[in-house]
Amino acid sequence: MNNVFVYCEIEDGIISEVSLELLTKGRSLATRLGCKLEAIVAGYKLDGIDSQVMPYGVDILHLFDGEGLYPYTSLPHTSVVVNLFKEEKPQICLMGATVIGRDLGPRVSSALTSGLTADCTALEIGPHEDKKEGKTYTDLLYQIRPAFGGNIVATIVNPEHRPQMATVREGVMKKEIYDQNYKGEIVRHDVSKYVDESDYVVKVIERHVEKSKINIKGAPIIVAGGYGVGSKENFQLLHELADLLKAEVGASRAAVDAGFCEHERQIGQTGVTVRPKLYIACGISGQIQHIAGMQDSSMIISINNDPAAPINAIADYVINGTVEEVVPKLIKYYKQNSK
């Protein structure tokens, strides 16, 4: 009772990356609170799925194995989570800010009249004082995310209602195995006790899933461009440099909105979150939405003609100059000095 729960998404028998990242975060939150970490997996033919989640420190795994639960449809999964939460009364629930999480999260929070903070960039535990009501709360979930167009970072708390719910995008949290031999309890539920037959009103007849050919999230080196690159033609310079470095090309939202680059390469609060060994930011001012998606890069090089650009404050190296001036010199130098 009052434990930390993580809803785990599953595709072709494999737990999604964002769910494993949230299990890692959930484990640290549960340890901080002195409670258990519980995971929910709803799908079909789930034998052996425990071996994927237990190493992340899961104390209790709730399995809902039924043919109608895979692939995901809204009503059955909502009934599973809502009815389970009515029994277990968790204090925290984490979900991925994916297509599924953005559908399921609001349905669950609405049914349980609890709060939900979307697209969190950080989750912490701390106290809260309500001066108006004269109340002091301990061990609340700080749900941290950019707000008002990214102009501020808001810390949101939910003092009274439970569970405290948050969604987090893939790549925001670090995935880390807690103990390869960790042994938790497996609870196999009777799906019929949680889901009515009427919930299966929607049936998926056929699915076509095509993975993106752009693997920006897993790239060790990223050459990213912003609005300061100036044009779609200038973005070809970034592609040329990326080809030499065996890197991927990324972009800020401003560059994508301007049509310089495709949306699949967008990095930031409304794009993907990356942690490359080297991040070369070209003509990127460094708004908080973009920084949220790349600030954990091991090394950051900023190429910018504005010495006061916000991204320079987090960069390891700053090159003052325009993209048109600097990038061709980098390409030329690299060609001359690479084997």
C-alpha atoms as a PDB file:
ATOM      1  CA  MET A   1       0.000   0.000   0.000  1.00  0.00           C
ATOM      2  CA  ASN A   2       1.198   3.522  -0.839  1.00  0.00           C
ATOM      3  CA  ASN A   3       4.033   2.240  -2.988  1.00  0.00           C
ATOM      4  CA  VAL A   4       5.548   3.595  -6.213  1.00  0.00           C
ATOM      5  CA  PHE A   5       4.004   2.124  -9.392  1.00  0.00           C
ATOM      6  CA  VAL A   6       5.346   2.140 -12.951  1.00  0.00           C
ATOM      7  CA  TYR A   7       3.137   1.231 -15.902  1.00  0.00           C
ATOM      8  CA  CYS A   8       5.320  -0.708 -18.360  1.00  0.00           C
ATOM      9  CA  GLU A   9       4.643  -0.614 -22.086  1.00  0.00           C
ATOM     10  CA  ILE A  10       5.357  -3.726 -24.132  1.00  0.00           C
ATOM     11  CA  GLU A  11       5.884  -4.302 -27.856  1.00  0.00           C
ATOM     12  CA  ASP A  12       6.528  -7.747 -29.360  1.00  0.00           C
ATOM     13  CA  GLY A  13       7.333  -9.166 -25.930  1.00  0.00           C
ATOM     14  CA  ILE A  14       9.896  -6.473 -25.115  1.00  0.00           C
ATOM     15  CA  ILE A  15       9.504  -3.833 -22.414  1.00  0.00           C
ATOM     16  CA  SER A  16       9.979  -0.348 -23.869  1.00  0.00           C
ATOM     17  CA  GLU A  17      13.070   1.728 -23.118  1.00  0.00           C
ATOM     18  CA  VAL A  18      11.093   4.504 -21.458  1.00  0.00           C
ATOM     19  CA  SER A  19       9.513   1.998 -19.051  1.00  0.00           C
ATOM     20  CA  LEU A  20      12.935   0.666 -18.026  1.00  0.00           C
ATOM     21  CA  GLU A  21      14.127   4.242 -17.503  1.00  0.00           C
ATOM     22  CA  LEU A  22      11.114   4.901 -15.282  1.00  0.00           C
ATOM     23  CA  LEU A  23      11.755   1.709 -13.317  1.00  0.00           C
ATOM     24  CA  THR A  24      15.257   3.016 -12.603  1.00  0.00           C
ATOM     25  CA  LYS A  25      13.824   6.326 -11.397  1.00  0.00           C
ATOM     26  CA  GLY A  26      11.011   4.583  -9.553  1.00  0.00           C
ATOM     27  CA  ARG A  27      13.538   2.436  -7.690  1.00  0.00           C
ATOM     28  CA  SER A  28      15.383   5.524  -6.434  1.00  0.00           C
ATOM     29  CA  LEU A  29      12.112   7.215  -5.420  1.00  0.00           C
ATOM     30  CA  ALA A  30      10.914   4.088  -3.601  1.00  0.00           C
ATOM     31  CA  THR A  31      14.236   3.798  -1.754  1.00  0.00           C
ATOM     32  CA  ARG A  32      14.024   7.466  -0.767  1.00  0.00           C
ATOM     33  CA  LEU A  33      10.470   6.966   0.526  1.00  0.00           C
ATOM     34  CA  GLY A  34      11.191   3.624   2.215  1.00  0.00           C
ATOM     35  CA  CYS A  35       8.486   1.833   0.224  1.00  0.00           C
ATOM     36  CA  LYS A  36       8.270  -0.784  -2.514  1.00  0.00           C
ATOM     37  CA  LEU A  37       8.539  -0.426  -6.285  1.00  0.00           C
ATOM     38  CA  GLU A  38       5.716  -2.130  -8.175  1.00  0.00           C
ATOM     39  CA  ALA A  39       5.398  -2.599 -11.944  1.00  0.00           C
ATOM     40  CA  ILE A  40       2.337  -3.247 -14.111  1.00  0.00           C
ATOM     41  CA  VAL A  41       2.569  -5.221 -17.353  1.00  0.00           C
ATOM     42  CA  ALA A  42      -0.614  -5.857 -19.320  1.00  0.00           C
ATOM     43  CA  GLY A  43      -0.445  -7.854 -22.547  1.00  0.00           C
ATOM     44  CA  TYR A  44      -0.621 -11.355 -23.982  1.00  0.00           C
ATOM     45  CA  LYS A  45       1.736 -14.326 -23.587  1.00  0.00           C
ATOM     46  CA  LEU A  46       3.842 -12.676 -20.905  1.00  0.00           C
ATOM     47  CA  ASP A  47       5.837 -15.738 -19.813  1.00  0.00           C
ATOM     48  CA  GLY A  48       9.374 -14.718 -18.911  1.00  0.00           C
ATOM     49  CA  ILE A  49       8.648 -11.000 -18.932  1.00  0.00           C
ATOM     50  CA  ASP A  50       9.758 -10.802 -15.285  1.00  0.00           C
ATOM     51  CA  SER A  51      13.383 -11.339 -16.344  1.00  0.00           C
ATOM     52  CA  GLN A  52      13.265  -7.985 -18.139  1.00  0.00           C
ATOM     53  CA  VAL A  53      11.968  -5.892 -15.232  1.00  0.00           C
ATOM     54  CA  MET A  54      13.219  -7.550 -12.032  1.00  0.00           C
ATOM     55  CA  PRO A  55      16.872  -6.434 -12.495  1.00  0.00           C
ATOM     56  CA  TYR A  56      15.661  -2.842 -12.147  1.00  0.00           C
ATOM     57  CA  GLY A  57      14.701  -3.435  -8.523  1.00  0.00           C
ATOM     58  CA  VAL A  58      11.009  -4.295  -8.883  1.00  0.00           C
ATOM     59  CA  ASP A  59       9.568  -5.645  -5.612  1.00  0.00           C
ATOM     60  CA  ILE A  60       6.152  -6.648  -6.984  1.00  0.00           C
ATOM     61  CA  LEU A  61       5.266  -7.307 -10.622  1.00  0.00           C
ATOM     62  CA  HIS A  62       1.569  -7.227 -11.509  1.00  0.00           C
ATOM     63  CA  LEU A  63       0.905  -9.341 -14.605  1.00  0.00           C
ATOM     64  CA  PHE A  64      -2.321  -9.082 -16.589  1.00  0.00           C
ATOM     65  CA  ASP A  65      -2.124 -11.716 -19.310  1.00  0.00           C
ATOM     66  CA  GLY A  66      -5.037 -11.779 -21.730  1.00  0.00           C
ATOM     67  CA  GLU A  67      -5.520 -11.938 -25.485  1.00  0.00           C
ATOM     68  CA  GLY A  68      -7.576  -8.746 -25.538  1.00  0.00           C
ATOM     69  CA  LEU A  69      -4.819  -6.741 -23.855  1.00  0.00           C
ATOM     70  CA  TYR A  70      -2.415  -6.790 -26.795  1.00  0.00           C
ATOM     71  CA  PRO A  71      -2.022  -4.683 -28.776  1.00  0.00           C
ATOM     72  CA  TYR A  72      -2.918  -1.724 -26.554  1.00  0.00           C
ATOM     73  CA  THR A  73      -6.429  -0.337 -26.665  1.00  0.00           C
ATOM     74  CA  SER A  74      -7.713   2.365 -24.336  1.00  0.00           C
ATOM     75  CA  LEU A  75     -10.601   0.864 -22.386  1.00  0.00           C
ATOM     76  CA  PRO A  76      -9.179  -2.502 -21.211  1.00  0.00           C
ATOM     77  CA  HIS A  77      -5.882  -0.999 -20.047  1.00  0.00           C
ATOM     78  CA  THR A  78      -7.672   1.870 -18.317  1.00  0.00           C
ATOM     79  CA  SER A  79      -9.865  -0.625 -16.426  1.00  0.00           C
ATOM     80  CA  VAL A  80      -6.806  -2.684 -15.450  1.00  0.00           C
ATOM     81  CA  VAL A  81      -4.911   0.280 -13.998  1.00  0.00           C
ATOM     82  CA  VAL A  82      -7.873   2.078 -12.405  1.00  0.00           C
ATOM     83  CA  ASN A  83      -9.236  -1.028 -10.663  1.00  0.00           C
ATOM     84  CA  LEU A  84      -5.772  -2.124  -9.531  1.00  0.00           C
ATOM     85  CA  PHE A  85      -5.099   1.339  -8.092  1.00  0.00           C
ATOM     86  CA  LYS A  86      -8.406   1.297  -6.233  1.00  0.00           C
ATOM     87  CA  GLU A  87      -7.146  -1.851  -4.496  1.00  0.00           C
ATOM     88  CA  GLU A  88      -3.506  -0.938  -3.979  1.00  0.00           C
ATOM     89  CA  LYS A  89      -3.791   2.848  -3.443  1.00  0.00           C
ATOM     90  CA  PRO A  90      -0.324   3.845  -4.699  1.00  0.00           C
ATOM     91  CA  GLN A  91       1.195   7.165  -3.735  1.00  0.00           C
ATOM     92  CA  ILE A  92       3.045   7.628  -7.042  1.00  0.00           C
ATOM     93  CA  CYS A  93       2.435   6.407 -10.594  1.00  0.00           C
ATOM     94  CA  LEU A  94       4.862   6.945 -13.478  1.00  0.00           C
ATOM     95  CA  MET A  95       4.157   6.437 -17.181  1.00  0.00           C
ATOM     96  CA  GLY A  96       5.991   7.139 -20.408  1.00  0.00           C
ATOM     97  CA  ALA A  97       4.994  10.293 -22.305  1.00  0.00           C
ATOM     98  CA  THR A  98       4.385   8.155 -25.378  1.00  0.00           C
ATOM     99  CA  VAL A  99       1.327   7.718 -27.575  1.00  0.00           C
ATOM    100  CA  ILE A 100       0.108   5.106 -25.079  1.00  0.00           C
ATOM    101  CA  GLY A 101       1.013   7.058 -21.940  1.00  0.00           C
ATOM    102  CA  ARG A 102      -0.623  10.220 -23.227  1.00  0.00           C
ATOM    103  CA  ASP A 103      -3.807   8.264 -23.858  1.00  0.00           C
ATOM    104  CA  LEU A 104      -3.813   6.171 -20.691  1.00  0.00           C
ATOM    105  CA  GLY A 105      -2.529   8.713 -18.134  1.00  0.00           C
ATOM    106  CA  PRO A 106      -5.362  11.248 -18.413  1.00  0.00           C
ATOM    107  CA  ARG A 107      -7.980   8.489 -18.374  1.00  0.00           C
ATOM    108  CA  VAL A 108      -6.599   7.018 -15.154  1.00  0.00           C
ATOM    109  CA  SER A 109      -6.098  10.362 -13.408  1.00  0.00           C
ATOM    110  CA  SER A 110      -9.601  11.482 -14.382  1.00  0.00           C
ATOM    111  CA  ALA A 111     -11.194   8.263 -13.116  1.00  0.00           C
ATOM    112  CA  LEU A 112      -9.321   8.525  -9.794  1.00  0.00           C
ATOM    113  CA  THR A 113      -9.622  12.357  -9.552  1.00  0.00           C
ATOM    114  CA  SER A 114      -5.882  12.672  -9.091  1.00  0.00           C
ATOM    115  CA  GLY A 115      -3.445  15.112 -10.673  1.00  0.00           C
ATOM    116  CA  LEU A 116      -1.250  14.426 -13.686  1.00  0.00           C
ATOM    117  CA  THR A 117       1.837  16.351 -14.809  1.00  0.00           C
ATOM    118  CA  ALA A 118       2.895  15.664 -18.389  1.00  0.00           C
ATOM    119  CA  ASP A 119       6.390  15.671 -19.908  1.00  0.00           C
ATOM    120  CA  CYS A 120       8.357  15.981 -16.677  1.00  0.00           C
ATOM    121  CA  THR A 121      12.101  16.550 -17.020  1.00  0.00           C
ATOM    122  CA  ALA A 122      12.929  15.735 -13.384  1.00  0.00           C
ATOM    123  CA  LEU A 123      11.290  13.956 -10.439  1.00  0.00           C
ATOM    124  CA  GLU A 124      12.335  14.482  -6.827  1.00  0.00           C
ATOM    125  CA  ILE A 125      10.995  13.971  -3.311  1.00  0.00           C
ATOM    126  CA  GLY A 126      10.665  16.886  -0.899  1.00  0.00           C
ATOM    127  CA  PRO A 127       8.494  18.826   1.565  1.00  0.00           C
ATOM    128  CA  HIS A 128       5.863  21.459   0.800  1.00  0.00           C
ATOM    129  CA  GLU A 129       4.331  24.163   2.974  1.00  0.00           C
ATOM    130  CA  ASP A 130       0.855  25.457   2.130  1.00  0.00           C
ATOM    131  CA  LYS A 131       0.874  28.837   3.870  1.00  0.00           C
ATOM    132  CA  LYS A 132      -2.690  29.603   2.835  1.00  0.00           C
ATOM    133  CA  GLU A 133      -4.071  26.449   4.459  1.00  0.00           C
ATOM    134  CA  GLY A 134      -1.456  26.384   7.203  1.00  0.00           C
ATOM    135  CA  LYS A 135      -0.419  22.831   6.341  1.00  0.00           C
ATOM    136  CA  THR A 136       3.013  21.247   5.949  1.00  0.00           C
ATOM    137  CA  TYR A 137       3.521  18.147   3.811  1.00  0.00           C
ATOM    138  CA  THR A 138       6.488  15.796   3.754  1.00  0.00           C
ATOM    139  CA  ASP A 139       7.757  13.493   1.027  1.00  0.00           C
ATOM    140  CA  LEU A 140       5.737  14.848  -1.860  1.00  0.00           C
ATOM    141  CA  LEU A 141       6.668  14.134  -5.467  1.00  0.00           C
ATOM    142  CA  TYR A 142       8.190  17.207  -7.097  1.00  0.00           C
ATOM    143  CA  GLN A 143       7.047  17.031 -10.720  1.00  0.00           C
ATOM    144  CA  ILE A 144       9.430  19.344 -12.568  1.00  0.00           C
ATOM    145  CA  ARG A 145       8.922  20.571 -16.125  1.00  0.00           C
ATOM    146  CA  PRO A 146       9.342  23.706 -18.277  1.00  0.00           C
ATOM    147  CA  ALA A 147       6.215  25.893 -18.366  1.00  0.00           C
ATOM    148  CA  PHE A 148       4.891  29.045 -20.024  1.00  0.00           C
ATOM    149  CA  GLY A 149       6.575  28.278 -23.311  1.00  0.00           C
ATOM    150  CA  GLY A 150       9.761  27.231 -21.580  1.00  0.00           C
ATOM    151  CA  ASN A 151      10.307  30.605 -19.929  1.00  0.00           C
ATOM    152  CA  ILE A 152      10.302  29.083 -16.446  1.00  0.00           C
ATOM    153  CA  VAL A 153      10.877  25.695 -14.854  1.00  0.00           C
ATOM    154  CA  ALA A 154       7.823  24.787 -12.794  1.00  0.00           C
ATOM    155  CA  THR A 155       7.823  22.480  -9.786  1.00  0.00           C
ATOM    156  CA  ILE A 156       4.349  20.983  -9.419  1.00  0.00           C
ATOM    157  CA  VAL A 157       3.092  19.193  -6.310  1.00  0.00           C
ATOM    158  CA  ASN A 158      -0.110  17.310  -5.570  1.00  0.00           C
ATOM    159  CA  PRO A 159      -0.549  17.451  -1.775  1.00  0.00           C
ATOM    160  CA  GLU A 160      -3.994  15.924  -1.269  1.00  0.00           C
ATOM    161  CA  HIS A 161      -4.919  13.555  -4.081  1.00  0.00           C
ATOM    162  CA  ARG A 162      -3.398  10.162  -4.852  1.00  0.00           C
ATOM    163  CA  PRO A 163      -1.757   8.796  -6.800  1.00  0.00           C
ATOM    164  CA  GLN A 164       0.645  11.564  -7.748  1.00  0.00           C
ATOM    165  CA  MET A 165       0.951  10.925 -11.474  1.00  0.00           C
ATOM    166  CA  ALA A 166       3.604  12.005 -13.956  1.00  0.00           C
ATOM    167  CA  THR A 167       4.576  11.146 -17.507  1.00  0.00           C
ATOM    168  CA  VAL A 168       8.179  11.321 -18.732  1.00  0.00           C
ATOM    169  CA  ARG A 169       9.510  11.180 -22.274  1.00  0.00           C
ATOM    170  CA  GLU A 170      11.982   8.548 -23.437  1.00  0.00           C
ATOM    171  CA  GLY A 171      15.597   9.418 -22.760  1.00  0.00           C
ATOM    172  CA  VAL A 172      14.926  11.948 -19.991  1.00  0.00           C
ATOM    173  CA  MET A 173      15.753   9.488 -17.196  1.00  0.00           C
ATOM    174  CA  LYS A 174      18.852   7.322 -17.133  1.00  0.00           C
ATOM    175  CA  LYS A 175      18.353   3.552 -17.471  1.00  0.00           C
ATOM    176  CA  GLU A 176      20.437   1.551 -15.010  1.00  0.00           C
ATOM    177  CA  ILE A 177      20.186  -2.033 -13.747  1.00  0.00           C
ATOM    178  CA  TYR A 178      19.771  -2.120  -9.972  1.00  0.00           C
ATOM    179  CA  ASP A 179      20.714  -5.759  -9.348  1.00  0.00           C
ATOM    180  CA  GLN A 180      20.929  -8.402 -12.060  1.00  0.00           C
ATOM    181  CA  ASN A 181      19.790 -11.076  -9.584  1.00  0.00           C
ATOM    182  CA  TYR A 182      17.059  -9.051  -7.881  1.00  0.00           C
ATOM    183  CA  LYS A 183      14.098 -11.236  -6.961  1.00  0.00           C
ATOM    184  CA  GLY A 184      10.684  -9.698  -6.522  1.00  0.00           C
ATOM    185  CA  GLU A 185       7.195 -11.104  -6.152  1.00  0.00           C
ATOM    186  CA  ILE A 186       5.107 -11.907  -9.236  1.00  0.00           C
ATOM    187  CA  VAL A 187       1.338 -11.465  -8.918  1.00  0.00           C
ATOM    188  CA  ARG A 188      -0.704 -12.946 -11.774  1.00  0.00           C
ATOM    189  CA  HIS A 189      -4.144 -11.345 -11.858  1.00  0.00           C
ATOM    190  CA  ASP A 190      -7.389 -12.706 -13.265  1.00  0.00           C
ATOM    191  CA  VAL A 191      -8.046 -10.189 -16.046  1.00  0.00           C
ATOM    192  CA  SER A 192     -11.818 -10.856 -16.016  1.00  0.00           C
ATOM    193  CA  LYS A 193     -12.050  -9.400 -12.492  1.00  0.00           C
ATOM    194  CA  TYR A 194     -10.659  -6.075 -13.694  1.00  0.00           C
ATOM    195  CA  VAL A 195     -11.955  -5.735 -17.257  1.00  0.00           C
ATOM    196  CA  ASP A 196     -15.570  -5.940 -18.445  1.00  0.00           C
ATOM    197  CA  GLU A 197     -16.355  -7.611 -21.756  1.00  0.00           C
ATOM    198  CA  SER A 198     -17.766  -4.287 -22.961  1.00  0.00           C
ATOM    199  CA  ASP A 199     -14.256  -2.795 -22.696  1.00  0.00           C
ATOM    200  CA  TYR A 200     -13.170  -4.905 -25.659  1.00  0.00           C
ATOM    201  CA  VAL A 201     -15.423  -2.934 -28.005  1.00  0.00           C
ATOM    202  CA  VAL A 202     -12.421  -1.896 -30.103  1.00  0.00           C
ATOM    203  CA  LYS A 203     -10.436  -4.660 -31.788  1.00  0.00           C
ATOM    204  CA  VAL A 204      -7.199  -4.101 -33.694  1.00  0.00           C
ATOM    205  CA  ILE A 205      -7.492  -5.990 -36.969  1.00  0.00           C
ATOM    206  CA  GLU A 206      -4.151  -5.105 -38.518  1.00  0.00           C
ATOM    207  CA  ARG A 207      -1.075  -3.117 -37.522  1.00  0.00           C
ATOM    208  CA  HIS A 208       1.771  -1.621 -39.514  1.00  0.00           C
ATOM    209  CA  VAL A 209       4.736  -0.522 -37.410  1.00  0.00           C
ATOM    210  CA  GLU A 210       7.732   1.021 -39.119  1.00  0.00           C
ATOM    211  CA  LYS A 211      10.720   2.106 -37.076  1.00  0.00           C
ATOM    212  CA  SER A 212      12.429   5.382 -37.887  1.00  0.00           C
ATOM    213  CA  LYS A 213      15.597   5.107 -39.950  1.00  0.00           C
ATOM    214  CA  ILE A 214      17.079   7.995 -37.960  1.00  0.00           C
ATOM    215  CA  ASN A 215      18.729   6.773 -34.752  1.00  0.00           C
ATOM    216  CA  ILE A 216      19.467  10.124 -33.179  1.00  0.00           C
ATOM    217  CA  LYS A 217      18.872   8.911 -29.618  1.00  0.00           C
ATOM    218  CA  GLY A 218      21.631   6.291 -29.775  1.00  0.00           C
ATOM    219  CA  ALA A 219      24.197   8.375 -31.676  1.00  0.00           C
ATOM    220  CA  PRO A 220      27.537   8.914 -29.841  1.00  0.00           C
ATOM    221  CA  ILE A 221      28.129  12.165 -31.774  1.00  0.00           C
ATOM    222  CA  ILE A 222      25.448  14.664 -32.794  1.00  0.00           C
ATOM    223  CA  VAL A 223      25.849  17.748 -34.971  1.00  0.00           C
ATOM    224  CA  ALA A 224      22.791  19.880 -34.241  1.00  0.00           C
ATOM    225  CA  GLY A 225      21.599  23.030 -35.972  1.00  0.00           C
ATOM    226  CA  GLY A 226      19.325  25.833 -34.903  1.00  0.00           C
ATOM    227  CA  TYR A 227      17.586  28.753 -36.564  1.00  0.00           C
ATOM    228  CA  GLY A 228      20.973  30.475 -36.738  1.00  0.00           C
ATOM    229  CA  VAL A 229      22.088  28.010 -39.420  1.00  0.00           C
ATOM    230  CA  GLY A 230      20.077  30.244 -41.738  1.00  0.00           C
ATOM    231  CA  SER A 231      18.708  27.919 -44.386  1.00  0.00           C
ATOM    232  CA  LYS A 232      18.005  24.362 -45.490  1.00  0.00           C
ATOM    233  CA  GLU A 233      21.013  24.626 -47.808  1.00  0.00           C
ATOM    234  CA  ASN A 234      23.322  25.518 -44.924  1.00  0.00           C
ATOM    235  CA  PHE A 235      22.056  22.449 -43.073  1.00  0.00           C
ATOM    236  CA  GLN A 236      23.838  20.404 -45.747  1.00  0.00           C
ATOM    237  CA  LEU A 237      27.103  21.612 -44.190  1.00  0.00           C
ATOM    238  CA  LEU A 238      26.030  19.947 -40.949  1.00  0.00           C
ATOM    239  CA  HIS A 239      25.221  16.731 -42.798  1.00  0.00           C
ATOM    240  CA  GLU A 240      28.651  16.831 -44.454  1.00  0.00           C
ATOM    241  CA  LEU A 241      30.397  17.321 -41.116  1.00  0.00           C
ATOM    242  CA  ALA A 242      28.248  14.587 -39.536  1.00  0.00           C
ATOM    243  CA  ASP A 243      29.165  12.139 -42.321  1.00  0.00           C
ATOM    244  CA  LEU A 244      32.873  12.745 -41.654  1.00  0.00           C
ATOM    245  CA  LEU A 245      32.448  12.275 -37.907  1.00  0.00           C
ATOM    246  CA  LYS A 246      30.100   9.282 -38.349  1.00  0.00           C
ATOM    247  CA  ALA A 247      27.552  11.308 -36.441  1.00  0.00           C
ATOM    248  CA  GLU A 248      23.828  12.048 -36.643  1.00  0.00           C
ATOM    249  CA  VAL A 249      22.312  15.440 -37.448  1.00  0.00           C
ATOM    250  CA  GLY A 250      19.919  16.991 -34.939  1.00  0.00           C
ATOM    251  CA  ALA A 251      17.928  20.214 -34.875  1.00  0.00           C
ATOM    252  CA  SER A 252      16.223  22.652 -32.560  1.00  0.00           C
ATOM    253  CA  ARG A 253      12.487  23.249 -32.787  1.00  0.00           C
ATOM    254  CA  ALA A 254      13.072  26.648 -34.402  1.00  0.00           C
ATOM    255  CA  ALA A 255      15.072  25.013 -37.215  1.00  0.00           C
ATOM    256  CA  VAL A 256      12.404  22.340 -37.727  1.00  0.00           C
ATOM    257  CA  ASP A 257       9.586  24.923 -37.737  1.00  0.00           C
ATOM    258  CA  ALA A 258      11.531  26.943 -40.323  1.00  0.00           C
ATOM    259  CA  GLY A 259      11.702  23.879 -42.585  1.00  0.00           C
ATOM    260  CA  PHE A 260      15.485  23.503 -42.367  1.00  0.00           C
ATOM    261  CA  CYS A 261      15.267  19.914 -41.117  1.00  0.00           C
ATOM    262  CA  GLU A 262      12.754  17.084 -40.664  1.00  0.00           C
ATOM    263  CA  HIS A 263      10.857  16.689 -37.391  1.00  0.00           C
ATOM    264  CA  GLU A 264      12.391  13.275 -36.640  1.00  0.00           C
ATOM    265  CA  ARG A 265      15.662  15.056 -35.853  1.00  0.00           C
ATOM    266  CA  GLN A 266      14.183  17.520 -33.360  1.00  0.00           C
ATOM    267  CA  ILE A 267      15.911  17.597 -29.965  1.00  0.00           C
ATOM    268  CA  GLY A 268      14.374  19.124 -26.864  1.00  0.00           C
ATOM    269  CA  GLN A 269      11.257  19.230 -24.755  1.00  0.00           C
ATOM    270  CA  THR A 270       8.990  18.527 -27.737  1.00  0.00           C
ATOM    271  CA  GLY A 271      11.500  16.293 -29.531  1.00  0.00           C
ATOM    272  CA  VAL A 272      13.860  13.589 -28.317  1.00  0.00           C
ATOM    273  CA  THR A 273      16.259  13.649 -25.382  1.00  0.00           C
ATOM    274  CA  VAL A 274      19.855  12.672 -26.142  1.00  0.00           C
ATOM    275  CA  ARG A 275      23.031  11.975 -24.180  1.00  0.00           C
ATOM    276  CA  PRO A 276      25.845  11.733 -26.765  1.00  0.00           C
ATOM    277  CA  LYS A 277      29.547  11.758 -25.981  1.00  0.00           C
ATOM    278  CA  LEU A 278      29.905  14.854 -28.181  1.00  0.00           C
ATOM    279  CA  TYR A 279      27.244  17.447 -29.026  1.00  0.00           C
ATOM    280  CA  ILE A 280      28.138  20.150 -31.549  1.00  0.00           C
ATOM    281  CA  ALA A 281      25.528  22.924 -31.401  1.00  0.00           C
ATOM    282  CA  CYS A 282      25.567  25.090 -34.534  1.00  0.00           C
ATOM    283  CA  GLY A 283      23.586  28.326 -34.504  1.00  0.00           C
ATOM    284  CA  ILE A 284      21.512  27.225 -31.518  1.00  0.00           C
ATOM    285  CA  SER A 285      20.602  29.970 -29.037  1.00  0.00           C
ATOM    286  CA  GLY A 286      19.856  27.522 -26.241  1.00  0.00           C
ATOM    287  CA  GLN A 287      16.271  28.013 -25.122  1.00  0.00           C
ATOM    288  CA  ILE A 288      15.323  25.974 -22.061  1.00  0.00           C
ATOM    289  CA  GLN A 289      13.188  23.582 -24.147  1.00  0.00           C
ATOM    290  CA  HIS A 290      16.211  22.611 -26.230  1.00  0.00           C
ATOM    291  CA  ILE A 291      18.661  22.457 -23.325  1.00  0.00           C
ATOM    292  CA  ALA A 292      16.307  20.042 -21.532  1.00  0.00           C
ATOM    293  CA  GLY A 293      16.898  17.571 -24.349  1.00  0.00           C
ATOM    294  CA  MET A 294      20.719  17.650 -24.528  1.00  0.00           C
ATOM    295  CA  GLN A 295      22.186  19.070 -21.322  1.00  0.00           C
ATOM    296  CA  ASP A 296      23.495  15.674 -20.174  1.00  0.00           C
ATOM    297  CA  SER A 297      25.834  15.349 -23.184  1.00  0.00           C
ATOM    298  CA  SER A 298      29.369  14.426 -22.104  1.00  0.00           C
ATOM    299  CA  MET A 299      30.929  17.295 -24.082  1.00  0.00           C
ATOM    300  CA  ILE A 300      29.214  20.269 -25.698  1.00  0.00           C
ATOM    301  CA  ILE A 301      30.765  22.500 -28.366  1.00  0.00           C
ATOM    302  CA  SER A 302      28.842  25.646 -29.266  1.00  0.00           C
ATOM    303  CA  ILE A 303      29.342  27.398 -32.616  1.00  0.00           C
ATOM    304  CA  ASN A 304      27.580  30.754 -32.361  1.00  0.00           C
ATOM    305  CA  ASN A 305      28.133  34.348 -33.438  1.00  0.00           C
ATOM    306  CA  ASP A 306      26.389  35.590 -30.281  1.00  0.00           C
ATOM    307  CA  PRO A 307      28.762  35.447 -27.282  1.00  0.00           C
ATOM    308  CA  ALA A 308      25.786  35.890 -24.955  1.00  0.00           C
ATOM    309  CA  ALA A 309      23.810  32.916 -26.315  1.00  0.00           C
ATOM    310  CA  PRO A 310      22.387  30.906 -23.368  1.00  0.00           C
ATOM    311  CA  ILE A 311      23.808  27.638 -24.718  1.00  0.00           C
ATOM    312  CA  ASN A 312      27.335  29.001 -24.241  1.00  0.00           C
ATOM    313  CA  ALA A 313      26.774  28.870 -20.478  1.00  0.00           C
ATOM    314  CA  ILE A 314      26.577  25.057 -20.528  1.00  0.00           C
ATOM    315  CA  ALA A 315      29.081  24.473 -23.355  1.00  0.00           C
ATOM    316  CA  ASP A 316      32.541  23.039 -22.662  1.00  0.00           C
ATOM    317  CA  TYR A 317      33.959  24.910 -25.673  1.00  0.00           C
ATOM    318  CA  VAL A 318      32.594  27.967 -27.476  1.00  0.00           C
ATOM    319  CA  ILE A 319      33.578  28.941 -31.031  1.00  0.00           C
ATOM    320  CA  ASN A 320      32.520  32.503 -31.861  1.00  0.00           C
ATOM    321  CA  GLY A 321      31.538  32.795 -35.510  1.00  0.00           C
ATOM    322  CA  THR A 322      28.832  31.994 -38.022  1.00  0.00           C
ATOM    323  CA  VAL A 323      28.063  28.481 -39.177  1.00  0.00           C
ATOM    324  CA  GLU A 324      29.078  29.439 -42.717  1.00  0.00           C
ATOM    325  CA  GLU A 325      32.520  30.502 -41.469  1.00  0.00           C
ATOM    326  CA  VAL A 326      33.305  27.802 -38.932  1.00  0.00           C
ATOM    327  CA  VAL A 327      31.793  24.540 -40.213  1.00  0.00           C
ATOM    328  CA  PRO A 328      33.588  24.519 -43.607  1.00  0.00           C
ATOM    329  CA  LYS A 329      36.882  25.018 -41.749  1.00  0.00           C
ATOM    330  CA  LEU A 330      36.065  22.080 -39.471  1.00  0.00           C
ATOM    331  CA  ILE A 331      35.246  19.930 -42.497  1.00  0.00           C
ATOM    332  CA  LYS A 332      38.462  20.949 -44.267  1.00  0.00           C
ATOM    333  CA  TYR A 333      40.624  20.382 -41.186  1.00  0.00           C
ATOM    334  CA  TYR A 334      39.061  17.005 -40.430  1.00  0.00           C
ATOM    335  CA  LYS A 335      39.543  15.812 -44.019  1.00  0.00           C
ATOM    336  CA  GLN A 336      43.208  16.818 -43.910  1.00  0.00           C
ATOM    337  CA  ASN A 337      43.944  15.225 -40.554  1.00  0.00           C
ATOM    338  CA  SER A 338      41.843  12.069 -40.531  1.00  0.00           C
ATOM    339  CA  LYS A 339      43.288   8.769 -41.609  1.00  0.00           C
END
